[in-house]
Amino acid sequence: MTTREALCAILISILLVTAGLVWLLGPYGLIGGGVAVLLMTLFTDKKEDADG
């Protein structure tokens, strides 16, 4: 996964997870969304771009 793909995936996950959890759980959904994004960021396998 390149850096650009990882950033796009993280952005989409932020939107989907936060929207879904806030809808279901209210304010606790924001905390869960933040934790999910943090974990995804930490465990994303990053490799260098082909042109970099």
N, C-alpha and C. Protein backbone atom coordinates (compact mmCIF):
# COMPACT_ATOMS: atom_id res chain seq x y z
N MET A 1 0.86 -1.16 0.00
CA MET A 1 0.00 0.00 0.00
C MET A 1 0.91 1.23 0.00
N THR A 2 0.68 2.12 -0.94
CA THR A 2 1.49 3.34 -1.00
C THR A 2 0.96 4.36 -0.01
N THR A 3 1.71 5.42 0.18
CA THR A 3 1.31 6.47 1.12
C THR A 3 -0.02 7.09 0.71
N ARG A 4 -0.19 7.35 -0.57
CA ARG A 4 -1.43 7.97 -1.04
C ARG A 4 -2.63 7.04 -0.81
N GLU A 5 -2.46 5.76 -1.09
CA GLU A 5 -3.54 4.81 -0.85
C GLU A 5 -3.86 4.71 0.64
N ALA A 6 -2.83 4.72 1.47
CA ALA A 6 -3.04 4.64 2.92
C ALA A 6 -3.79 5.86 3.42
N LEU A 7 -3.44 7.04 2.94
CA LEU A 7 -4.14 8.25 3.37
C LEU A 7 -5.60 8.25 2.92
N CYS A 8 -5.86 7.78 1.71
CA CYS A 8 -7.24 7.69 1.22
C CYS A 8 -8.04 6.70 2.06
N ALA A 9 -7.44 5.57 2.38
CA ALA A 9 -8.12 4.57 3.18
C ALA A 9 -8.40 5.09 4.59
N ILE A 10 -7.45 5.80 5.16
CA ILE A 10 -7.65 6.37 6.49
C ILE A 10 -8.74 7.42 6.47
N LEU A 11 -8.77 8.28 5.46
CA LEU A 11 -9.80 9.30 5.36
C LEU A 11 -11.19 8.67 5.25
N ILE A 12 -11.32 7.68 4.40
CA ILE A 12 -12.61 7.01 4.24
C ILE A 12 -13.01 6.32 5.53
N SER A 13 -12.06 5.68 6.20
CA SER A 13 -12.39 5.00 7.45
C SER A 13 -12.81 6.00 8.52
N ILE A 14 -12.17 7.16 8.56
CA ILE A 14 -12.57 8.20 9.51
C ILE A 14 -14.04 8.57 9.29
N LEU A 15 -14.38 8.83 8.04
CA LEU A 15 -15.75 9.24 7.73
C LEU A 15 -16.78 8.15 8.05
N LEU A 16 -16.50 6.94 7.61
CA LEU A 16 -17.47 5.86 7.80
C LEU A 16 -17.60 5.43 9.26
N VAL A 17 -16.49 5.24 9.92
CA VAL A 17 -16.54 4.78 11.31
C VAL A 17 -17.16 5.84 12.20
N THR A 18 -16.74 7.08 12.05
CA THR A 18 -17.27 8.14 12.90
C THR A 18 -18.76 8.35 12.66
N ALA A 19 -19.17 8.39 11.40
CA ALA A 19 -20.60 8.58 11.10
C ALA A 19 -21.43 7.43 11.64
N GLY A 20 -20.97 6.21 11.43
CA GLY A 20 -21.73 5.05 11.90
C GLY A 20 -21.81 4.96 13.40
N LEU A 21 -20.68 5.17 14.08
CA LEU A 21 -20.68 5.04 15.53
C LEU A 21 -21.42 6.18 16.22
N VAL A 22 -21.31 7.39 15.71
CA VAL A 22 -22.05 8.49 16.30
C VAL A 22 -23.55 8.27 16.14
N TRP A 23 -23.94 7.75 15.00
CA TRP A 23 -25.35 7.47 14.75
C TRP A 23 -25.87 6.42 15.73
N LEU A 24 -25.06 5.40 15.98
CA LEU A 24 -25.48 4.32 16.87
C LEU A 24 -25.28 4.63 18.34
N LEU A 25 -24.15 5.24 18.70
CA LEU A 25 -23.75 5.34 20.09
C LEU A 25 -23.68 6.76 20.64
N GLY A 26 -23.96 7.75 19.84
CA GLY A 26 -23.88 9.13 20.32
C GLY A 26 -22.44 9.55 20.56
N PRO A 27 -22.17 10.25 21.66
CA PRO A 27 -20.82 10.77 21.90
C PRO A 27 -19.75 9.69 22.05
N TYR A 28 -20.14 8.51 22.53
CA TYR A 28 -19.16 7.44 22.66
C TYR A 28 -18.67 6.98 21.29
N GLY A 29 -19.45 7.21 20.26
CA GLY A 29 -19.03 6.87 18.92
C GLY A 29 -17.83 7.67 18.46
N LEU A 30 -17.72 8.92 18.91
CA LEU A 30 -16.57 9.74 18.56
C LEU A 30 -15.29 9.17 19.18
N ILE A 31 -15.39 8.70 20.40
CA ILE A 31 -14.23 8.09 21.05
C ILE A 31 -13.83 6.82 20.32
N GLY A 32 -14.81 5.98 20.00
CA GLY A 32 -14.53 4.75 19.28
C GLY A 32 -13.96 5.02 17.90
N GLY A 33 -14.47 6.03 17.22
CA GLY A 33 -13.95 6.41 15.91
C GLY A 33 -12.50 6.86 15.98
N GLY A 34 -12.19 7.65 16.99
CA GLY A 34 -10.81 8.10 17.17
C GLY A 34 -9.86 6.95 17.45
N VAL A 35 -10.30 6.00 18.27
CA VAL A 35 -9.47 4.84 18.57
C VAL A 35 -9.27 3.99 17.32
N ALA A 36 -10.32 3.80 16.53
CA ALA A 36 -10.21 2.99 15.32
C ALA A 36 -9.24 3.62 14.33
N VAL A 37 -9.30 4.93 14.16
CA VAL A 37 -8.39 5.62 13.24
C VAL A 37 -6.96 5.55 13.76
N LEU A 38 -6.78 5.70 15.07
CA LEU A 38 -5.44 5.60 15.65
C LEU A 38 -4.84 4.22 15.40
N LEU A 39 -5.62 3.17 15.63
CA LEU A 39 -5.12 1.82 15.41
C LEU A 39 -4.82 1.55 13.95
N MET A 40 -5.66 2.03 13.05
CA MET A 40 -5.41 1.83 11.64
C MET A 40 -4.13 2.55 11.21
N THR A 41 -3.93 3.76 11.73
CA THR A 41 -2.73 4.52 11.40
C THR A 41 -1.47 3.81 11.89
N LEU A 42 -1.54 3.26 13.09
CA LEU A 42 -0.38 2.60 13.66
C LEU A 42 -0.01 1.32 12.92
N PHE A 43 -1.01 0.59 12.46
CA PHE A 43 -0.77 -0.72 11.88
C PHE A 43 -0.82 -0.76 10.36
N THR A 44 -0.90 0.40 9.71
CA THR A 44 -0.89 0.44 8.26
C THR A 44 0.51 0.10 7.75
N ASP A 45 0.57 -0.85 6.84
CA ASP A 45 1.86 -1.25 6.25
C ASP A 45 2.21 -0.25 5.16
N LYS A 46 3.27 0.52 5.40
CA LYS A 46 3.65 1.58 4.48
C LYS A 46 4.87 1.16 3.68
N LYS A 47 4.80 1.38 2.38
CA LYS A 47 5.98 1.21 1.53
C LYS A 47 6.15 2.47 0.71
N GLU A 48 7.33 2.69 0.22
CA GLU A 48 7.62 3.92 -0.51
C GLU A 48 6.91 3.94 -1.86
N ASP A 49 6.56 5.15 -2.31
CA ASP A 49 5.97 5.32 -3.63
C ASP A 49 7.01 4.97 -4.70
N ALA A 50 6.54 4.57 -5.87
CA ALA A 50 7.43 4.17 -6.95
C ALA A 50 8.27 5.34 -7.45
N ASP A 51 7.69 6.55 -7.45
CA ASP A 51 8.42 7.71 -7.97
C ASP A 51 9.26 8.41 -6.91
N GLY A 52 9.18 7.99 -5.65
CA GLY A 52 9.89 8.67 -4.58
C GLY A 52 11.12 7.96 -4.25
